[in-house]
Every structure is written in structure tokens, then in C-alpha cells.
PDB file of N, CA and C in Angstrom:
ATOM      1  N   MET A   1      91.038  92.537 121.866  1.00  0.00           N
ATOM      2  CA  MET A   1      91.642  92.069 120.446  1.00  0.00           C
ATOM      3  C   MET A   1      93.084  92.843 120.268  1.00  0.00           C
ATOM      4  N   ALA A   2      93.906  92.146 119.610  1.00  0.00           N
ATOM      5  CA  ALA A   2      95.444  92.946 119.524  1.00  0.00           C
ATOM      6  C   ALA A   2      95.713  93.185 118.343  1.00  0.00           C
ATOM      7  N   TRP A   3      96.403  94.115 118.208  1.00  0.00           N
ATOM      8  CA  TRP A   3      97.071  94.747 116.742  1.00  0.00           C
ATOM      9  C   TRP A   3      98.564  94.664 116.806  1.00  0.00           C
ATOM     10  N   THR A   4      99.404  93.997 116.094  1.00  0.00           N
ATOM     11  CA  THR A   4     100.475  94.295 115.863  1.00  0.00           C
ATOM     12  C   THR A   4     101.174  94.135 114.301  1.00  0.00           C
ATOM     13  N   TYR A   5     102.363  94.842 114.456  1.00  0.00           N
ATOM     14  CA  TYR A   5     102.984  94.774 112.848  1.00  0.00           C
ATOM     15  C   TYR A   5     104.331  95.077 113.217  1.00  0.00           C
ATOM     16  N   SER A   6     105.359  94.235 113.249  1.00  0.00           N
ATOM     17  CA  SER A   6     106.899  94.240 113.232  1.00  0.00           C
ATOM     18  C   SER A   6     107.500  94.943 112.100  1.00  0.00           C
ATOM     19  N   GLY A   7     106.727  95.347 110.999  1.00  0.00           N
ATOM     20  CA  GLY A   7     107.510  96.107 110.026  1.00  0.00           C
ATOM     21  C   GLY A   7     108.435  95.206 108.869  1.00  0.00           C
ATOM     22  N   ASP A   8     108.047  93.563 109.480  1.00  0.00           N
ATOM     23  CA  ASP A   8     109.064  92.868 108.565  1.00  0.00           C
ATOM     24  C   ASP A   8     107.898  91.434 108.177  1.00  0.00           C
ATOM     25  N   PRO A   9     107.397  92.028 106.834  1.00  0.00           N
ATOM     26  CA  PRO A   9     106.268  90.839 106.038  1.00  0.00           C
ATOM     27  C   PRO A   9     107.015  89.779 105.877  1.00  0.00           C
ATOM     28  N   ASP A  10     108.558  89.540 106.181  1.00  0.00           N
ATOM     29  CA  ASP A  10     108.880  88.289 105.689  1.00  0.00           C
ATOM     30  C   ASP A  10     108.909  87.230 107.305  1.00  0.00           C
ATOM     31  N   SER A  11     108.379  87.930 108.236  1.00  0.00           N
ATOM     32  CA  SER A  11     108.343  87.137 109.573  1.00  0.00           C
ATOM     33  C   SER A  11     107.163  86.657 109.507  1.00  0.00           C
ATOM     34  N   SER A  12     106.115  86.836 109.555  1.00  0.00           N
ATOM     35  CA  SER A  12     105.077  86.116 109.694  1.00  0.00           C
ATOM     36  C   SER A  12     103.929  86.202 108.622  1.00  0.00           C
ATOM     37  N   ALA A  13     102.840  85.465 108.225  1.00  0.00           N
ATOM     38  CA  ALA A  13     101.525  85.636 107.526  1.00  0.00           C
ATOM     39  C   ALA A  13     100.869  86.796 108.205  1.00  0.00           C
ATOM     40  N   LEU A  14     100.691  86.829 109.187  1.00  0.00           N
ATOM     41  CA  LEU A  14     100.233  88.112 109.817  1.00  0.00           C
ATOM     42  C   LEU A  14     100.895  89.583 108.942  1.00  0.00           C
ATOM     43  N   ASP A  15     101.948  89.703 109.359  1.00  0.00           N
ATOM     44  CA  ASP A  15     102.592  90.751 108.972  1.00  0.00           C
ATOM     45  C   ASP A  15     102.702  91.102 107.772  1.00  0.00           C
ATOM     46  N   ALA A  16     102.765  89.722 106.531  1.00  0.00           N
ATOM     47  CA  ALA A  16     102.696  89.662 105.159  1.00  0.00           C
ATOM     48  C   ALA A  16     101.175  90.167 104.674  1.00  0.00           C
ATOM     49  N   ILE A  17     100.168  89.889 105.310  1.00  0.00           N
ATOM     50  CA  ILE A  17      98.975  90.160 104.925  1.00  0.00           C
ATOM     51  C   ILE A  17      98.765  91.554 105.339  1.00  0.00           C
ATOM     52  N   ARG A  18      99.130  92.073 106.681  1.00  0.00           N
ATOM     53  CA  ARG A  18      98.776  93.372 106.791  1.00  0.00           C
ATOM     54  C   ARG A  18      99.527  94.314 105.877  1.00  0.00           C
ATOM     55  N   PHE A  19     100.714  94.162 105.496  1.00  0.00           N
ATOM     56  CA  PHE A  19     101.849  94.841 104.594  1.00  0.00           C
ATOM     57  C   PHE A  19     101.003  94.720 103.135  1.00  0.00           C
ATOM     58  N   LEU A  20     100.697  93.686 102.689  1.00  0.00           N
ATOM     59  CA  LEU A  20      99.585  93.785 101.381  1.00  0.00           C
ATOM     60  C   LEU A  20      98.563  94.471 101.412  1.00  0.00           C
ATOM     61  N   CYS A  21      97.634  94.526 102.514  1.00  0.00           N
ATOM     62  CA  CYS A  21      96.340  95.118 102.691  1.00  0.00           C
ATOM     63  C   CYS A  21      96.990  96.685 102.858  1.00  0.00           C
ATOM     64  N   GLY A  22      98.017  97.101 103.352  1.00  0.00           N
ATOM     65  CA  GLY A  22      98.276  98.593 103.807  1.00  0.00           C
ATOM     66  C   GLY A  22      97.870  98.691 105.223  1.00  0.00           C
ATOM     67  N   ASP A  23      97.779  97.891 106.039  1.00  0.00           N
ATOM     68  CA  ASP A  23      97.310  97.934 107.151  1.00  0.00           C
ATOM     69  C   ASP A  23      98.489  97.932 108.381  1.00  0.00           C
ATOM     70  N   THR A  24      99.318  98.620 108.137  1.00  0.00           N
ATOM     71  CA  THR A  24     100.574  98.792 108.932  1.00  0.00           C
ATOM     72  C   THR A  24     100.863 100.140 109.925  1.00  0.00           C
ATOM     73  N   ASP A  25      99.995 100.947 109.987  1.00  0.00           N
ATOM     74  CA  ASP A  25      99.771 102.090 110.752  1.00  0.00           C
ATOM     75  C   ASP A  25      99.229 102.141 112.038  1.00  0.00           C
ATOM     76  N   THR A  26      99.891 101.915 113.125  1.00  0.00           N
ATOM     77  CA  THR A  26      99.562 101.633 114.420  1.00  0.00           C
ATOM     78  C   THR A  26      98.349 102.915 114.948  1.00  0.00           C
ATOM     79  N   ASN A  27      98.585 104.038 114.373  1.00  0.00           N
ATOM     80  CA  ASN A  27      97.556 104.939 114.762  1.00  0.00           C
ATOM     81  C   ASN A  27      96.393 105.035 113.868  1.00  0.00           C
ATOM     82  N   ASP A  28      96.334 104.243 112.667  1.00  0.00           N
ATOM     83  CA  ASP A  28      95.110 103.603 112.018  1.00  0.00           C
ATOM     84  C   ASP A  28      94.584 102.314 111.814  1.00  0.00           C
ATOM     85  N   GLN A  29      94.477 101.446 112.881  1.00  0.00           N
ATOM     86  CA  GLN A  29      94.186 100.012 112.727  1.00  0.00           C
ATOM     87  C   GLN A  29      92.933  99.502 112.392  1.00  0.00           C
ATOM     88  N   LEU A  30      93.174  98.872 111.076  1.00  0.00           N
ATOM     89  CA  LEU A  30      92.134  98.583 110.501  1.00  0.00           C
ATOM     90  C   LEU A  30      91.469  96.923 110.873  1.00  0.00           C
ATOM     91  N   LEU A  31      92.305  96.192 110.819  1.00  0.00           N
ATOM     92  CA  LEU A  31      91.931  94.963 111.498  1.00  0.00           C
ATOM     93  C   LEU A  31      92.683  94.286 112.689  1.00  0.00           C
ATOM     94  N   ALA A  32      91.963  93.643 113.415  1.00  0.00           N
ATOM     95  CA  ALA A  32      92.932  92.971 114.528  1.00  0.00           C
ATOM     96  C   ALA A  32      93.358  91.613 114.072  1.00  0.00           C
ATOM     97  N   ASN A  33      94.615  91.475 114.492  1.00  0.00           N
ATOM     98  CA  ASN A  33      95.367  90.319 114.664  1.00  0.00           C
ATOM     99  C   ASN A  33      94.132  88.986 114.466  1.00  0.00           C
ATOM    100  N   GLU A  34      93.165  88.937 115.526  1.00  0.00           N
ATOM    101  CA  GLU A  34      92.513  87.934 115.250  1.00  0.00           C
ATOM    102  C   GLU A  34      91.724  87.506 114.199  1.00  0.00           C
ATOM    103  N   GLU A  35      91.245  88.597 113.523  1.00  0.00           N
ATOM    104  CA  GLU A  35      90.554  88.674 112.238  1.00  0.00           C
ATOM    105  C   GLU A  35      91.410  88.375 111.170  1.00  0.00           C
ATOM    106  N   ILE A  36      92.542  88.788 110.978  1.00  0.00           N
ATOM    107  CA  ILE A  36      93.432  88.637 110.123  1.00  0.00           C
ATOM    108  C   ILE A  36      93.898  86.742 110.202  1.00  0.00           C
ATOM    109  N   SER A  37      93.850  86.651 111.458  1.00  0.00           N
ATOM    110  CA  SER A  37      94.393  85.124 111.492  1.00  0.00           C
ATOM    111  C   SER A  37      93.253  84.288 111.004  1.00  0.00           C
ATOM    112  N   TRP A  38      91.950  84.707 111.682  1.00  0.00           N
ATOM    113  CA  TRP A  38      90.680  83.751 111.218  1.00  0.00           C
ATOM    114  C   TRP A  38      90.690  83.886 109.842  1.00  0.00           C
ATOM    115  N   ILE A  39      90.814  84.811 108.915  1.00  0.00           N
ATOM    116  CA  ILE A  39      90.643  85.052 107.459  1.00  0.00           C
ATOM    117  C   ILE A  39      91.905  84.084 106.630  1.00  0.00           C
ATOM    118  N   ASN A  40      93.338  84.069 107.246  1.00  0.00           N
ATOM    119  CA  ASN A  40      94.078  83.155 106.967  1.00  0.00           C
ATOM    120  C   ASN A  40      93.819  81.570 107.027  1.00  0.00           C
ATOM    121  N   LYS A  41      93.080  81.302 108.217  1.00  0.00           N
ATOM    122  CA  LYS A  41      92.688  80.138 108.131  1.00  0.00           C
ATOM    123  C   LYS A  41      91.596  79.667 107.636  1.00  0.00           C
ATOM    124  N   GLN A  42      90.547  80.404 107.056  1.00  0.00           N
ATOM    125  CA  GLN A  42      89.678  80.251 106.152  1.00  0.00           C
ATOM    126  C   GLN A  42      90.230  79.773 104.917  1.00  0.00           C
ATOM    127  N   VAL A  43      91.120  80.610 104.517  1.00  0.00           N
ATOM    128  CA  VAL A  43      91.812  80.233 103.169  1.00  0.00           C
ATOM    129  C   VAL A  43      92.798  79.011 103.310  1.00  0.00           C
ATOM    130  N   THR A  44      93.690  79.141 104.192  1.00  0.00           N
ATOM    131  CA  THR A  44      94.678  77.882 104.021  1.00  0.00           C
ATOM    132  C   THR A  44      94.480  77.023 104.946  1.00  0.00           C
ATOM    133  N   GLY A  45      93.580  76.935 105.833  1.00  0.00           N
ATOM    134  CA  GLY A  45      93.417  75.878 107.099  1.00  0.00           C
ATOM    135  C   GLY A  45      94.327  76.000 108.177  1.00  0.00           C
ATOM    136  N   SER A  46      95.354  77.276 108.272  1.00  0.00           N
ATOM    137  CA  SER A  46      96.050  77.468 109.416  1.00  0.00           C
ATOM    138  C   SER A  46      96.227  78.994 109.718  1.00  0.00           C
ATOM    139  N   THR A  47      96.329  79.347 110.582  1.00  0.00           N
ATOM    140  CA  THR A  47      96.437  80.816 110.949  1.00  0.00           C
ATOM    141  C   THR A  47      97.799  81.296 110.643  1.00  0.00           C
ATOM    142  N   THR A  48      98.761  80.464 110.263  1.00  0.00           N
ATOM    143  CA  THR A  48      99.956  81.046 110.203  1.00  0.00           C
ATOM    144  C   THR A  48     101.048  80.567 108.754  1.00  0.00           C
ATOM    145  N   ALA A  49      99.881  80.025 108.264  1.00  0.00           N
ATOM    146  CA  ALA A  49     100.281  79.390 106.839  1.00  0.00           C
ATOM    147  C   ALA A  49     100.735  80.552 105.833  1.00  0.00           C
ATOM    148  N   THR A  50     101.653  80.623 104.997  1.00  0.00           N
ATOM    149  CA  THR A  50     102.119  81.538 103.860  1.00  0.00           C
ATOM    150  C   THR A  50     101.680  81.397 102.867  1.00  0.00           C
ATOM    151  N   THR A  51     100.876  80.253 102.334  1.00  0.00           N
ATOM    152  CA  THR A  51     100.713  79.676 101.181  1.00  0.00           C
ATOM    153  C   THR A  51      99.807  79.999 100.031  1.00  0.00           C
ATOM    154  N   SER A  52      99.063  80.973 100.788  1.00  0.00           N
ATOM    155  CA  SER A  52      97.918  82.128  99.856  1.00  0.00           C
ATOM    156  C   SER A  52      97.877  83.248 100.371  1.00  0.00           C
ATOM    157  N   LEU A  53      99.058  84.079 100.802  1.00  0.00           N
ATOM    158  CA  LEU A  53      99.019  85.264 101.130  1.00  0.00           C
ATOM    159  C   LEU A  53      98.451  86.460 100.539  1.00  0.00           C
ATOM    160  N   TYR A  54      98.229  86.371  98.966  1.00  0.00           N
ATOM    161  CA  TYR A  54      97.383  87.027  98.160  1.00  0.00           C
ATOM    162  C   TYR A  54      95.909  87.016  98.431  1.00  0.00           C
ATOM    163  N   GLU A  55      95.821  85.918  98.360  1.00  0.00           N
ATOM    164  CA  GLU A  55      94.418  85.413  98.577  1.00  0.00           C
ATOM    165  C   GLU A  55      93.604  85.769 100.040  1.00  0.00           C
ATOM    166  N   SER A  56      94.471  85.666 100.959  1.00  0.00           N
ATOM    167  CA  SER A  56      94.245  86.124 102.437  1.00  0.00           C
ATOM    168  C   SER A  56      94.315  87.632 102.416  1.00  0.00           C
ATOM    169  N   ALA A  57      95.092  88.305 101.625  1.00  0.00           N
ATOM    170  CA  ALA A  57      95.058  89.896 101.704  1.00  0.00           C
ATOM    171  C   ALA A  57      93.733  90.219 101.053  1.00  0.00           C
ATOM    172  N   TYR A  58      93.361  89.647  99.764  1.00  0.00           N
ATOM    173  CA  TYR A  58      92.127  89.897  99.216  1.00  0.00           C
ATOM    174  C   TYR A  58      91.224  89.993  99.945  1.00  0.00           C
ATOM    175  N   ARG A  59      91.144  89.101 100.589  1.00  0.00           N
ATOM    176  CA  ARG A  59      89.903  88.905 101.732  1.00  0.00           C
ATOM    177  C   ARG A  59      89.874  89.659 102.703  1.00  0.00           C
ATOM    178  N   SER A  60      91.037  90.262 103.400  1.00  0.00           N
ATOM    179  CA  SER A  60      91.163  91.083 104.439  1.00  0.00           C
ATOM    180  C   SER A  60      90.827  92.425 103.930  1.00  0.00           C
ATOM    181  N   CYS A  61      91.144  92.650 102.750  1.00  0.00           N
ATOM    182  CA  CYS A  61      90.821  94.114 102.055  1.00  0.00           C
ATOM    183  C   CYS A  61      89.192  94.212 101.865  1.00  0.00           C
ATOM    184  N   ILE A  62      88.638  93.144 101.361  1.00  0.00           N
ATOM    185  CA  ILE A  62      87.087  92.823 101.214  1.00  0.00           C
ATOM    186  C   ILE A  62      86.533  93.452 102.822  1.00  0.00           C
ATOM    187  N   ALA A  63      87.024  92.679 103.697  1.00  0.00           N
ATOM    188  CA  ALA A  63      86.403  93.133 105.039  1.00  0.00           C
ATOM    189  C   ALA A  63      86.917  94.739 105.494  1.00  0.00           C
ATOM    190  N   ILE A  64      88.053  95.244 105.101  1.00  0.00           N
ATOM    191  CA  ILE A  64      88.296  96.752 105.709  1.00  0.00           C
ATOM    192  C   ILE A  64      87.115  97.401 104.783  1.00  0.00           C
ATOM    193  N   ALA A  65      86.881  96.920 103.200  1.00  0.00           N
ATOM    194  CA  ALA A  65      86.097  97.796 102.274  1.00  0.00           C
ATOM    195  C   ALA A  65      84.794  97.702 103.102  1.00  0.00           C
ATOM    196  N   SER A  66      84.354  96.778 103.655  1.00  0.00           N
ATOM    197  CA  SER A  66      83.035  96.752 104.295  1.00  0.00           C
ATOM    198  C   SER A  66      82.721  97.633 105.530  1.00  0.00           C
ATOM    199  N   LYS A  67      83.683  97.662 106.376  1.00  0.00           N
ATOM    200  CA  LYS A  67      83.920  98.813 107.538  1.00  0.00           C
ATOM    201  C   LYS A  67      83.743  99.941 106.750  1.00  0.00           C
ATOM    202  N   PHE A  68      84.641 100.528 105.813  1.00  0.00           N
ATOM    203  CA  PHE A  68      84.588 101.904 105.252  1.00  0.00           C
ATOM    204  C   PHE A  68      83.364 101.988 104.644  1.00  0.00           C
ATOM    205  N   SER A  69      82.717 101.142 103.938  1.00  0.00           N
ATOM    206  CA  SER A  69      81.386 101.297 103.380  1.00  0.00           C
ATOM    207  C   SER A  69      80.129 101.959 104.160  1.00  0.00           C
ATOM    208  N   ARG A  70      80.459 101.672 105.730  1.00  0.00           N
ATOM    209  CA  ARG A  70      79.266 102.499 106.579  1.00  0.00           C
ATOM    210  C   ARG A  70      79.629 103.509 106.762  1.00  0.00           C
ATOM    211  N   LEU A  71      80.859 104.254 106.410  1.00  0.00           N
ATOM    212  CA  LEU A  71      81.128 105.807 106.704  1.00  0.00           C
ATOM    213  C   LEU A  71      80.231 106.562 105.935  1.00  0.00           C
ATOM    214  N   ALA A  72      79.694 107.939 106.340  1.00  0.00           N
ATOM    215  CA  ALA A  72      79.282 108.722 105.426  1.00  0.00           C
ATOM    216  C   ALA A  72      80.028 109.940 105.337  1.00  0.00           C
ATOM    217  N   SER A  73      80.038 110.251 104.041  1.00  0.00           N
ATOM    218  CA  SER A  73      80.989 111.636 103.654  1.00  0.00           C
ATOM    219  C   SER A  73      80.315 112.803 104.424  1.00  0.00           C
ATOM    220  N   GLN A  74      81.280 113.874 104.984  1.00  0.00           N
ATOM    221  CA  GLN A  74      80.851 114.988 105.536  1.00  0.00           C
ATOM    222  C   GLN A  74      81.355 116.106 104.956  1.00  0.00           C
ATOM    223  N   ALA A  75      80.703 117.290 105.279  1.00  0.00           N
ATOM    224  CA  ALA A  75      81.155 118.580 104.761  1.00  0.00           C
ATOM    225  C   ALA A  75      80.572 119.655 105.779  1.00  0.00           C
ATOM    226  N   VAL A  76      81.737 120.340 105.828  1.00  0.00           N
ATOM    227  CA  VAL A  76      81.697 121.503 106.962  1.00  0.00           C
ATOM    228  C   VAL A  76      82.307 122.983 105.970  1.00  0.00           C
ATOM    229  N   GLY A  77      81.794 123.617 105.592  1.00  0.00           N
ATOM    230  CA  GLY A  77      81.802 124.698 104.961  1.00  0.00           C
ATOM    231  C   GLY A  77      82.380 124.369 103.606  1.00  0.00           C
ATOM    232  N   ASP A  78      83.591 124.803 103.192  1.00  0.00           N
ATOM    233  CA  ASP A  78      84.313 124.706 101.935  1.00  0.00           C
ATOM    234  C   ASP A  78      84.951 123.151 102.020  1.00  0.00           C
ATOM    235  N   LEU A  79      85.195 122.742 103.283  1.00  0.00           N
ATOM    236  CA  LEU A  79      86.020 121.359 103.634  1.00  0.00           C
ATOM    237  C   LEU A  79      84.809 120.266 103.201  1.00  0.00           C
ATOM    238  N   LYS A  80      85.185 119.540 102.500  1.00  0.00           N
ATOM    239  CA  LYS A  80      83.940 118.059 102.107  1.00  0.00           C
ATOM    240  C   LYS A  80      85.350 116.740 102.242  1.00  0.00           C
ATOM    241  N   VAL A  81      85.123 115.856 103.037  1.00  0.00           N
ATOM    242  CA  VAL A  81      85.701 114.602 103.112  1.00  0.00           C
ATOM    243  C   VAL A  81      84.846 113.614 102.450  1.00  0.00           C
ATOM    244  N   ASP A  82      85.137 113.008 101.408  1.00  0.00           N
ATOM    245  CA  ASP A  82      84.506 111.829 100.737  1.00  0.00           C
ATOM    246  C   ASP A  82      84.876 110.485 101.270  1.00  0.00           C
ATOM    247  N   LEU A  83      84.063 109.954 102.337  1.00  0.00           N
ATOM    248  CA  LEU A  83      85.031 108.939 102.871  1.00  0.00           C
ATOM    249  C   LEU A  83      84.481 107.637 102.149  1.00  0.00           C
ATOM    250  N   HIS A  84      83.407 107.831 100.976  1.00  0.00           N
ATOM    251  CA  HIS A  84      83.145 106.640 100.396  1.00  0.00           C
ATOM    252  C   HIS A  84      84.294 106.191  99.512  1.00  0.00           C
ATOM    253  N   GLN A  85      85.272 107.265  99.007  1.00  0.00           N
ATOM    254  CA  GLN A  85      86.489 106.986  98.484  1.00  0.00           C
ATOM    255  C   GLN A  85      87.178 105.976  98.985  1.00  0.00           C
ATOM    256  N   LYS A  86      87.265 106.119 100.473  1.00  0.00           N
ATOM    257  CA  LYS A  86      88.256 104.922 101.336  1.00  0.00           C
ATOM    258  C   LYS A  86      87.888 103.505 100.826  1.00  0.00           C
ATOM    259  N   ALA A  87      86.540 103.358 100.832  1.00  0.00           N
ATOM    260  CA  ALA A  87      86.083 101.767 100.596  1.00  0.00           C
ATOM    261  C   ALA A  87      86.246 101.602  98.983  1.00  0.00           C
ATOM    262  N   GLU A  88      85.892 102.755  98.297  1.00  0.00           N
ATOM    263  CA  GLU A  88      86.413 102.452  96.922  1.00  0.00           C
ATOM    264  C   GLU A  88      87.652 102.005  96.420  1.00  0.00           C
ATOM    265  N   ASN A  89      88.995 102.669  97.335  1.00  0.00           N
ATOM    266  CA  ASN A  89      89.914 102.471  96.751  1.00  0.00           C
ATOM    267  C   ASN A  89      90.420 101.337  97.578  1.00  0.00           C
ATOM    268  N   THR A  90      90.069 100.779  98.719  1.00  0.00           N
ATOM    269  CA  THR A  90      90.200  99.447  99.259  1.00  0.00           C
ATOM    270  C   THR A  90      89.677  98.252  98.257  1.00  0.00           C
ATOM    271  N   ARG A  91      88.573  98.708  97.742  1.00  0.00           N
ATOM    272  CA  ARG A  91      88.187  97.506  96.954  1.00  0.00           C
ATOM    273  C   ARG A  91      89.035  97.561  95.709  1.00  0.00           C
ATOM    274  N   ALA A  92      89.675  98.512  95.203  1.00  0.00           N
ATOM    275  CA  ALA A  92      90.523  98.293  94.140  1.00  0.00           C
ATOM    276  C   ALA A  92      91.987  97.983  94.559  1.00  0.00           C
ATOM    277  N   GLN A  93      92.391  98.352  95.479  1.00  0.00           N
ATOM    278  CA  GLN A  93      93.450  97.250  96.264  1.00  0.00           C
ATOM    279  C   GLN A  93      93.015  95.909  96.459  1.00  0.00           C
ATOM    280  N   ALA A  94      91.788  95.570  96.765  1.00  0.00           N
ATOM    281  CA  ALA A  94      91.439  94.172  97.067  1.00  0.00           C
ATOM    282  C   ALA A  94      91.523  93.386  95.441  1.00  0.00           C
ATOM    283  N   LYS A  95      90.866  94.102  94.605  1.00  0.00           N
ATOM    284  CA  LYS A  95      90.928  93.601  93.173  1.00  0.00           C
ATOM    285  C   LYS A  95      92.412  93.086  92.696  1.00  0.00           C
ATOM    286  N   MET A  96      93.157  94.192  92.733  1.00  0.00           N
ATOM    287  CA  MET A  96      94.575  94.025  92.330  1.00  0.00           C
ATOM    288  C   MET A  96      95.217  92.615  93.041  1.00  0.00           C
ATOM    289  N   LEU A  97      94.860  92.737  94.443  1.00  0.00           N
ATOM    290  CA  LEU A  97      95.356  91.335  95.046  1.00  0.00           C
ATOM    291  C   LEU A  97      94.945  90.128  94.959  1.00  0.00           C
ATOM    292  N   LYS A  98      93.689  90.144  94.543  1.00  0.00           N
ATOM    293  CA  LYS A  98      92.933  89.035  93.796  1.00  0.00           C
ATOM    294  C   LYS A  98      93.612  88.531  92.606  1.00  0.00           C
ATOM    295  N   ASP A  99      93.791  90.020  91.265  1.00  0.00           N
ATOM    296  CA  ASP A  99      94.683  89.300  90.172  1.00  0.00           C
ATOM    297  C   ASP A  99      95.996  88.672  90.506  1.00  0.00           C
ATOM    298  N   LEU A 100      96.420  89.126  91.474  1.00  0.00           N
ATOM    299  CA  LEU A 100      97.895  88.435  91.821  1.00  0.00           C
ATOM    300  C   LEU A 100      97.818  87.123  92.490  1.00  0.00           C
ATOM    301  N   ALA A 101      96.604  87.081  93.131  1.00  0.00           N
ATOM    302  CA  ALA A 101      96.628  85.861  93.773  1.00  0.00           C
ATOM    303  C   ALA A 101      96.184  84.527  92.775  1.00  0.00           C
ATOM    304  N   SER A 102      95.539  84.930  91.545  1.00  0.00           N
ATOM    305  CA  SER A 102      95.376  83.976  90.375  1.00  0.00           C
ATOM    306  C   SER A 102      96.396  84.000  89.627  1.00  0.00           C
ATOM    307  N   ARG A 103      97.805  84.563  89.913  1.00  0.00           N
ATOM    308  CA  ARG A 103      98.445  84.186  88.986  1.00  0.00           C
ATOM    309  C   ARG A 103      99.333  83.074  89.344  1.00  0.00           C
TER     310      ARG A 103
END
């Protein structure tokens, strides 16, 4: 599976959806190109359509939050990493995108 981001959300639906979700860090890849394309196809009927970017980004964030939900919080001494916050923050991002999609 591939992961690409050109840094130009205007260039493609894939880049726009990735930008809206915040999945733009090559060192922290959240969804593969094929996963985003599949989501966009489910929403629009095309892997490249730009007609429902916010709805596709919303669904992509839900998929990312589902991945984060499997992570457990960890503590070592005084250091605590609360990984469930990643899922909560991504769900909040998804809600914002859903609100924008319905406008």
C-alpha cells in the first residue's frame, strides 16, 4: 500500500482529504492512499471526485479514530502517555468536518 502527499491539497482529492484529516506527516502515516480512495469512492462514486471532500475527510477521520481506539495508555515512572486522547481528538476533528460537510 502506498502513502503520498504532495503538500498541495488543490492538486487532488487524495491530498485534500489527507490535508483536512491532518494525515500529512510522512513519518506518521495514518491511512494508505488506497484506503482514502476507497472512502472517497463510497461517498462520491469516484476515487478522484472532489465534490464531497469534507464528507470523505469525516469518514477518513472516523477510520483513523478507530485505529487509535485500539491503543492503550502507558505509564513509565512519572511519564504517562494517554493514547485514548488521540482517538478522542480525532473524533472531535471528525465532528468538525461533518459539520462543515453539512453546510
